[in-house]
Amino acid sequence: MDFGLVLQTDPPASAVVGLMRRAERNGFRYGWTFDSAVLWQEPFVIYSRILEHTERLIVGPMVTNPGTRTWEVTASTFATLNEMYGNRTVCGIGRGDSAMRVAGRKPNTLARLGEAIGVIRDLAEGREADVGGQRLRLPWVRDGKLPVWMAAYGPKALELAGQKADGFILQLADPFLTEWMVKAVRTAASDAGRDPASLTICVAAPAYIGDNLTHARDQCRWFGGMVGNHVADLVERYGEHSGLVPEALTAYIKQRQGYDYSHHGRAGNPDTAFVPDEIVDRFCLLGPAEAHIEKLKVLRGLGVDQFAVYDMHDAREETIDAYGAEIIPALNS
């Protein structure tokens, strides 16, 4: 099983670079960041520094979207980093939540997202693609490689991920929901004539190590609120009891009142008081190292190839070090 570290690009950027270097020393293979231009610093600038100061780490956004940058710019940026540092990027992409809504725009449609996945990958790998009716190619790309992994929850998004993406990003660590969604993605891949085993499965969630579960839950409760944004969209689109989305995912947002993106992804987010302890426990990895190892083995058995640690709490360095000392070796022994 691979491991990734997920950070927000809060200033100073040097701190983000330092944590990614620490992660690589501890056996993490991937370094991910949020991508929301108004809320945080520009990640692609910081990726260049991370790549310069690491040797093997693969970097990318969790997740970018097709709306905040034109597709040829996104592809060219990835291709430039790959030319400089040797194909060490991955493009995590989704419809766009905070990046679009903070700027006063709606998330992208799935149709637009599906088209963007193919165009960005083709351009970044040196092939010609149609961009708004114009045939374009980046003539300087040589031996470019850009896996595109799609984040999804709902049935149509899961289907699209199976049809188009190289990997699937699931932003929660609940085994029941993981099994349900991985099956949906792989079924869609098979129905599209693709090898379902060729898709990389990445589960991303907060991890907090320690015996004080009350404190750990409070540090990670923000995650249930973040996931709740996407769940609210699904309930609006499909209904609460449609059968198309598991109630194990949707039931907990009944008390949700709204969401202020100024607290997005941060411990102590006041808009996440509605998230019960049960959801924090299901969606996150909490407790002593042994509990993390046990849950990760279950996820690995469900086909998960990578666990990406959301490290937005008051024990960032300690979590990275503990994963490096105890958890990563246990999952790869």
Foldseek 3Di string as FASTA:
>chain_A
DAEEAEEEQAPPLVVLLVLLQLLVVLRHQEYEYADAVPQHPHVLVSVLVNLVNDQRHAYEYLAAECPPDPLLVLLVSQLVSCVVRPQRYEHEYEQDDNNAVVVPHDGHDVVSRLLSLVCSQQQNQFHWDQRPNDIDHDNPRDRGGYFYEYEDAFLVSLLSRLQGGQEYEYAFQFLVSLLVSLVSSLVSVVVNVHHSLRYAYEYEAAADEDAPLVQVCLFRLLSLVLLQVVLVVVCVVQNCPNVRHDVVNNVQCPVQDDADCSCHLARPRPRRPSRDSVRSVRGYHYYHLVSVQVSVVSSVVSPHPYYYHHQHGDCNSVVSNCCSPPRVVSVVD
